[in-house]
Amino acid sequence: MAAITDLFPLSEPNPDGHDSDADGAHGTRVSGHADLSTRPDFEEFLLALCRQAEGDVHLDFAELDFIDISGVITVVRAAGSLDEGRFLVLHNPPPSMRRILELLGPAAVARSVRIEEDVS
């Protein structure tokens, strides 16, 4: 089952204690499996996250064990619920997710999904 493990800051605090991102962006780590059996809960969570967020929504998939096409489509649908100019930013998406996004094509994902390459 897909699980949301914790919230994480996307930037280091400045000396004054504030996030270096102007909007103080935070993200969510996703772990476990995102597939047809977990889709209802995963979709409900992502849509709620998108509704509550003021800026871009960041998801870290580094701990995700498995995602199938229904999980990827759930992510794309959630991204489509964001207002114009806001993005669902994917961190560490697994190769299978990247391939499915590539197959869906730019018309399906370019407007609201971004992949950010994390440098470790």
N, C-alpha and C. Protein backbone atom coordinates (compact mmCIF):
# COMPACT_ATOMS: atom_id res chain seq x y z
N MET A 1 0.84 -1.17 0.00
CA MET A 1 0.00 0.00 0.00
C MET A 1 0.89 1.24 0.00
N ALA A 2 0.49 2.24 -0.75
CA ALA A 2 1.23 3.50 -0.74
C ALA A 2 1.02 4.16 0.62
N ALA A 3 2.08 4.67 1.17
CA ALA A 3 1.99 5.33 2.46
C ALA A 3 2.73 6.65 2.38
N ILE A 4 2.24 7.59 3.12
CA ILE A 4 2.89 8.88 3.21
C ILE A 4 3.71 8.84 4.49
N THR A 5 5.03 8.89 4.37
CA THR A 5 5.86 8.66 5.54
C THR A 5 6.12 9.92 6.37
N ASP A 6 6.34 11.04 5.76
CA ASP A 6 6.57 12.26 6.53
C ASP A 6 6.66 13.47 5.61
N LEU A 7 6.60 14.62 6.22
CA LEU A 7 6.81 15.87 5.49
C LEU A 7 8.28 16.23 5.61
N PHE A 8 8.81 16.86 4.58
CA PHE A 8 10.23 17.22 4.62
C PHE A 8 10.42 18.60 4.04
N PRO A 9 11.35 19.39 4.60
CA PRO A 9 11.65 20.69 4.00
C PRO A 9 12.44 20.49 2.72
N LEU A 10 12.15 21.30 1.73
CA LEU A 10 12.84 21.19 0.45
C LEU A 10 14.08 22.06 0.39
N SER A 11 14.28 22.88 1.37
CA SER A 11 15.45 23.74 1.36
C SER A 11 15.98 23.88 2.78
N GLU A 12 17.22 24.25 2.86
CA GLU A 12 17.83 24.48 4.16
C GLU A 12 17.43 25.86 4.67
N PRO A 13 17.23 26.00 5.98
CA PRO A 13 16.89 27.32 6.51
C PRO A 13 18.05 28.30 6.31
N ASN A 14 17.70 29.55 6.09
CA ASN A 14 18.69 30.62 6.05
C ASN A 14 19.13 30.89 7.49
N PRO A 15 20.18 31.71 7.68
CA PRO A 15 20.61 32.04 9.04
C PRO A 15 19.49 32.66 9.88
N ASP A 16 18.51 33.31 9.24
CA ASP A 16 17.41 33.89 10.00
C ASP A 16 16.34 32.87 10.35
N GLY A 17 16.55 31.59 9.95
CA GLY A 17 15.62 30.53 10.32
C GLY A 17 14.51 30.27 9.33
N HIS A 18 14.47 30.99 8.22
CA HIS A 18 13.42 30.81 7.22
C HIS A 18 13.91 29.94 6.08
N ASP A 19 12.98 29.23 5.44
CA ASP A 19 13.33 28.45 4.26
C ASP A 19 13.87 29.37 3.19
N SER A 20 14.82 28.87 2.40
CA SER A 20 15.36 29.70 1.33
C SER A 20 14.38 29.83 0.17
N ASP A 21 13.41 28.92 0.04
CA ASP A 21 12.36 29.09 -0.97
C ASP A 21 11.42 30.19 -0.51
N ALA A 22 11.04 31.05 -1.42
CA ALA A 22 10.17 32.17 -1.07
C ALA A 22 8.83 31.69 -0.51
N ASP A 23 8.33 30.56 -1.03
CA ASP A 23 7.03 30.10 -0.56
C ASP A 23 7.14 29.09 0.58
N GLY A 24 8.37 28.83 1.08
CA GLY A 24 8.54 27.88 2.17
C GLY A 24 8.04 26.50 1.81
N ALA A 25 8.31 26.06 0.59
CA ALA A 25 7.77 24.81 0.09
C ALA A 25 8.19 23.63 0.94
N HIS A 26 7.28 22.73 1.11
CA HIS A 26 7.53 21.46 1.77
C HIS A 26 7.02 20.36 0.86
N GLY A 27 7.44 19.16 1.14
CA GLY A 27 7.01 18.04 0.32
C GLY A 27 6.62 16.86 1.16
N THR A 28 6.31 15.77 0.49
CA THR A 28 5.87 14.55 1.13
C THR A 28 6.62 13.37 0.56
N ARG A 29 7.06 12.48 1.41
CA ARG A 29 7.70 11.25 0.97
C ARG A 29 6.62 10.18 0.77
N VAL A 30 6.73 9.46 -0.32
CA VAL A 30 5.78 8.39 -0.62
C VAL A 30 6.55 7.07 -0.59
N SER A 31 6.01 6.07 0.11
CA SER A 31 6.67 4.77 0.16
C SER A 31 5.65 3.67 -0.07
N GLY A 32 6.14 2.46 -0.27
CA GLY A 32 5.25 1.32 -0.46
C GLY A 32 4.91 1.11 -1.92
N HIS A 33 3.65 0.73 -2.18
CA HIS A 33 3.18 0.44 -3.52
C HIS A 33 2.07 1.41 -3.91
N ALA A 34 2.11 1.90 -5.14
CA ALA A 34 1.04 2.74 -5.69
C ALA A 34 0.53 2.01 -6.92
N ASP A 35 -0.58 1.32 -6.75
CA ASP A 35 -1.12 0.52 -7.85
C ASP A 35 -2.64 0.56 -7.81
N LEU A 36 -3.27 -0.28 -8.60
CA LEU A 36 -4.73 -0.27 -8.71
C LEU A 36 -5.40 -0.51 -7.36
N SER A 37 -4.82 -1.37 -6.53
CA SER A 37 -5.45 -1.67 -5.24
C SER A 37 -5.34 -0.52 -4.24
N THR A 38 -4.33 0.32 -4.37
CA THR A 38 -4.15 1.45 -3.44
C THR A 38 -4.63 2.77 -4.04
N ARG A 39 -5.08 2.73 -5.28
CA ARG A 39 -5.42 3.97 -5.99
C ARG A 39 -6.44 4.85 -5.26
N PRO A 40 -7.55 4.31 -4.74
CA PRO A 40 -8.52 5.21 -4.09
C PRO A 40 -7.92 6.04 -2.96
N ASP A 41 -7.17 5.40 -2.07
CA ASP A 41 -6.57 6.13 -0.95
C ASP A 41 -5.47 7.08 -1.42
N PHE A 42 -4.66 6.63 -2.35
CA PHE A 42 -3.57 7.44 -2.89
C PHE A 42 -4.14 8.69 -3.57
N GLU A 43 -5.18 8.50 -4.37
CA GLU A 43 -5.80 9.62 -5.08
C GLU A 43 -6.44 10.60 -4.10
N GLU A 44 -7.13 10.08 -3.10
CA GLU A 44 -7.76 10.95 -2.11
C GLU A 44 -6.72 11.80 -1.40
N PHE A 45 -5.59 11.17 -1.03
CA PHE A 45 -4.53 11.92 -0.37
C PHE A 45 -3.94 12.99 -1.28
N LEU A 46 -3.60 12.62 -2.52
CA LEU A 46 -2.97 13.58 -3.43
C LEU A 46 -3.89 14.75 -3.73
N LEU A 47 -5.18 14.48 -3.95
CA LEU A 47 -6.12 15.57 -4.24
C LEU A 47 -6.26 16.50 -3.04
N ALA A 48 -6.30 15.94 -1.83
CA ALA A 48 -6.37 16.78 -0.63
C ALA A 48 -5.10 17.61 -0.48
N LEU A 49 -3.95 17.02 -0.74
CA LEU A 49 -2.68 17.74 -0.67
C LEU A 49 -2.67 18.89 -1.68
N CYS A 50 -3.13 18.64 -2.88
CA CYS A 50 -3.16 19.68 -3.92
C CYS A 50 -4.13 20.80 -3.56
N ARG A 51 -5.25 20.46 -2.94
CA ARG A 51 -6.21 21.49 -2.52
C ARG A 51 -5.65 22.38 -1.42
N GLN A 52 -4.91 21.79 -0.49
CA GLN A 52 -4.41 22.53 0.67
C GLN A 52 -3.16 23.34 0.39
N ALA A 53 -2.37 22.92 -0.56
CA ALA A 53 -1.09 23.58 -0.83
C ALA A 53 -1.31 24.94 -1.48
N GLU A 54 -0.46 25.88 -1.12
CA GLU A 54 -0.54 27.22 -1.70
C GLU A 54 0.34 27.37 -2.92
N GLY A 55 1.40 26.62 -2.99
CA GLY A 55 2.33 26.70 -4.12
C GLY A 55 2.42 25.36 -4.81
N ASP A 56 3.60 25.07 -5.31
CA ASP A 56 3.83 23.78 -5.93
C ASP A 56 3.77 22.68 -4.87
N VAL A 57 3.44 21.48 -5.31
CA VAL A 57 3.38 20.31 -4.43
C VAL A 57 4.55 19.40 -4.80
N HIS A 58 5.38 19.05 -3.83
CA HIS A 58 6.56 18.22 -4.06
C HIS A 58 6.34 16.84 -3.48
N LEU A 59 6.65 15.82 -4.28
CA LEU A 59 6.54 14.43 -3.84
C LEU A 59 7.89 13.74 -4.04
N ASP A 60 8.39 13.09 -3.00
CA ASP A 60 9.65 12.35 -3.09
C ASP A 60 9.32 10.86 -3.15
N PHE A 61 9.69 10.23 -4.26
CA PHE A 61 9.39 8.82 -4.49
C PHE A 61 10.58 7.91 -4.23
N ALA A 62 11.62 8.38 -3.56
CA ALA A 62 12.84 7.59 -3.34
C ALA A 62 12.56 6.28 -2.60
N GLU A 63 11.56 6.27 -1.74
CA GLU A 63 11.25 5.08 -0.94
C GLU A 63 10.09 4.27 -1.51
N LEU A 64 9.63 4.63 -2.70
CA LEU A 64 8.52 3.89 -3.32
C LEU A 64 9.04 2.57 -3.87
N ASP A 65 8.39 1.47 -3.49
CA ASP A 65 8.80 0.14 -3.94
C ASP A 65 8.27 -0.20 -5.33
N PHE A 66 7.06 0.27 -5.64
CA PHE A 66 6.43 -0.12 -6.90
C PHE A 66 5.36 0.90 -7.28
N ILE A 67 5.28 1.20 -8.58
CA ILE A 67 4.18 2.02 -9.09
C ILE A 67 3.82 1.47 -10.47
N ASP A 68 2.52 1.31 -10.70
CA ASP A 68 2.07 0.86 -12.02
C ASP A 68 1.41 2.03 -12.74
N ILE A 69 0.86 1.75 -13.90
CA ILE A 69 0.27 2.83 -14.70
C ILE A 69 -0.88 3.51 -13.98
N SER A 70 -1.66 2.77 -13.19
CA SER A 70 -2.76 3.41 -12.47
C SER A 70 -2.23 4.38 -11.42
N GLY A 71 -1.10 4.05 -10.79
CA GLY A 71 -0.48 4.97 -9.84
C GLY A 71 0.03 6.23 -10.51
N VAL A 72 0.65 6.07 -11.68
CA VAL A 72 1.16 7.23 -12.42
C VAL A 72 0.00 8.10 -12.90
N ILE A 73 -1.05 7.48 -13.40
CA ILE A 73 -2.22 8.25 -13.85
C ILE A 73 -2.85 8.99 -12.68
N THR A 74 -2.84 8.39 -11.50
CA THR A 74 -3.34 9.07 -10.31
C THR A 74 -2.53 10.33 -10.03
N VAL A 75 -1.22 10.25 -10.17
CA VAL A 75 -0.35 11.41 -9.96
C VAL A 75 -0.67 12.49 -11.01
N VAL A 76 -0.82 12.09 -12.27
CA VAL A 76 -1.11 13.05 -13.35
C VAL A 76 -2.47 13.71 -13.13
N ARG A 77 -3.46 12.93 -12.72
CA ARG A 77 -4.79 13.50 -12.46
C ARG A 77 -4.75 14.50 -11.31
N ALA A 78 -4.01 14.17 -10.26
CA ALA A 78 -3.87 15.10 -9.14
C ALA A 78 -3.19 16.38 -9.59
N ALA A 79 -2.15 16.25 -10.41
CA ALA A 79 -1.46 17.43 -10.94
C ALA A 79 -2.41 18.29 -11.75
N GLY A 80 -3.30 17.66 -12.48
CA GLY A 80 -4.28 18.40 -13.29
C GLY A 80 -5.27 19.19 -12.46
N SER A 81 -5.38 18.88 -11.17
CA SER A 81 -6.30 19.62 -10.30
C SER A 81 -5.70 20.93 -9.80
N LEU A 82 -4.39 21.12 -10.02
CA LEU A 82 -3.73 22.34 -9.56
C LEU A 82 -4.10 23.52 -10.46
N ASP A 83 -4.11 24.70 -9.86
CA ASP A 83 -4.36 25.92 -10.63
C ASP A 83 -3.24 26.15 -11.63
N GLU A 84 -3.55 26.90 -12.66
CA GLU A 84 -2.56 27.26 -13.70
C GLU A 84 -1.33 27.88 -13.04
N GLY A 85 -0.16 27.44 -13.47
CA GLY A 85 1.09 27.99 -12.95
C GLY A 85 1.64 27.25 -11.74
N ARG A 86 0.89 26.29 -11.22
CA ARG A 86 1.37 25.46 -10.10
C ARG A 86 1.70 24.08 -10.64
N PHE A 87 2.65 23.42 -9.99
CA PHE A 87 3.13 22.14 -10.49
C PHE A 87 3.20 21.09 -9.39
N LEU A 88 3.05 19.86 -9.81
CA LEU A 88 3.36 18.71 -8.98
C LEU A 88 4.79 18.35 -9.35
N VAL A 89 5.71 18.54 -8.41
CA VAL A 89 7.13 18.34 -8.67
C VAL A 89 7.54 16.98 -8.12
N LEU A 90 8.04 16.12 -9.00
CA LEU A 90 8.40 14.76 -8.63
C LEU A 90 9.89 14.68 -8.36
N HIS A 91 10.25 14.20 -7.19
CA HIS A 91 11.64 13.98 -6.80
C HIS A 91 11.89 12.48 -6.78
N ASN A 92 12.98 12.05 -7.37
CA ASN A 92 13.40 10.64 -7.36
C ASN A 92 12.34 9.68 -7.90
N PRO A 93 11.69 10.00 -9.00
CA PRO A 93 10.72 9.04 -9.53
C PRO A 93 11.46 7.80 -10.05
N PRO A 94 10.90 6.61 -9.82
CA PRO A 94 11.57 5.40 -10.32
C PRO A 94 11.57 5.35 -11.84
N PRO A 95 12.47 4.59 -12.43
CA PRO A 95 12.54 4.51 -13.90
C PRO A 95 11.22 4.10 -14.54
N SER A 96 10.48 3.21 -13.90
CA SER A 96 9.19 2.79 -14.49
C SER A 96 8.22 3.97 -14.57
N MET A 97 8.24 4.83 -13.58
CA MET A 97 7.37 6.01 -13.59
C MET A 97 7.78 6.98 -14.69
N ARG A 98 9.08 7.18 -14.82
CA ARG A 98 9.58 8.06 -15.88
C ARG A 98 9.15 7.53 -17.25
N ARG A 99 9.24 6.22 -17.43
CA ARG A 99 8.89 5.62 -18.72
C ARG A 99 7.40 5.77 -19.01
N ILE A 100 6.56 5.55 -18.02
CA ILE A 100 5.11 5.70 -18.21
C ILE A 100 4.79 7.16 -18.54
N LEU A 101 5.40 8.10 -17.84
CA LEU A 101 5.18 9.52 -18.15
C LEU A 101 5.61 9.84 -19.57
N GLU A 102 6.73 9.26 -19.99
CA GLU A 102 7.21 9.46 -21.36
C GLU A 102 6.20 8.92 -22.37
N LEU A 103 5.64 7.74 -22.09
CA LEU A 103 4.66 7.13 -22.99
C LEU A 103 3.35 7.92 -23.04
N LEU A 104 2.97 8.51 -21.91
CA LEU A 104 1.75 9.33 -21.89
C LEU A 104 1.91 10.57 -22.75
N GLY A 105 3.13 11.04 -22.87
CA GLY A 105 3.42 12.16 -23.75
C GLY A 105 3.27 13.51 -23.09
N PRO A 106 3.85 14.52 -23.72
CA PRO A 106 3.86 15.86 -23.14
C PRO A 106 2.48 16.48 -22.98
N ALA A 107 1.55 16.13 -23.84
CA ALA A 107 0.21 16.72 -23.73
C ALA A 107 -0.46 16.30 -22.43
N ALA A 108 -0.13 15.12 -21.94
CA ALA A 108 -0.75 14.63 -20.71
C ALA A 108 -0.11 15.17 -19.45
N VAL A 109 1.17 15.51 -19.52
CA VAL A 109 1.88 15.84 -18.28
C VAL A 109 2.56 17.20 -18.25
N ALA A 110 2.87 17.79 -19.37
CA ALA A 110 3.72 18.99 -19.39
C ALA A 110 3.12 20.18 -18.68
N ARG A 111 1.80 20.32 -18.69
CA ARG A 111 1.19 21.50 -18.10
C ARG A 111 1.35 21.57 -16.59
N SER A 112 1.40 20.42 -15.92
CA SER A 112 1.35 20.49 -14.46
C SER A 112 2.30 19.54 -13.72
N VAL A 113 3.14 18.81 -14.44
CA VAL A 113 4.08 17.89 -13.79
C VAL A 113 5.50 18.28 -14.16
N ARG A 114 6.36 18.31 -13.17
CA ARG A 114 7.79 18.56 -13.38
C ARG A 114 8.57 17.48 -12.66
N ILE A 115 9.69 17.09 -13.24
CA ILE A 115 10.61 16.17 -12.57
C ILE A 115 11.83 16.98 -12.20
N GLU A 116 12.16 16.95 -10.92
CA GLU A 116 13.33 17.68 -10.44
C GLU A 116 14.42 16.66 -10.12
N GLU A 117 15.56 16.86 -10.74
CA GLU A 117 16.69 15.96 -10.52
C GLU A 117 17.37 16.35 -9.22
N ASP A 118 17.29 15.48 -8.23
CA ASP A 118 17.95 15.74 -6.95
C ASP A 118 19.41 15.33 -7.05
N VAL A 119 20.29 16.19 -6.64
CA VAL A 119 21.71 15.91 -6.65
C VAL A 119 22.12 15.54 -5.23
N SER A 120 22.63 14.33 -5.07
CA SER A 120 23.02 13.88 -3.73
C SER A 120 24.52 13.95 -3.56
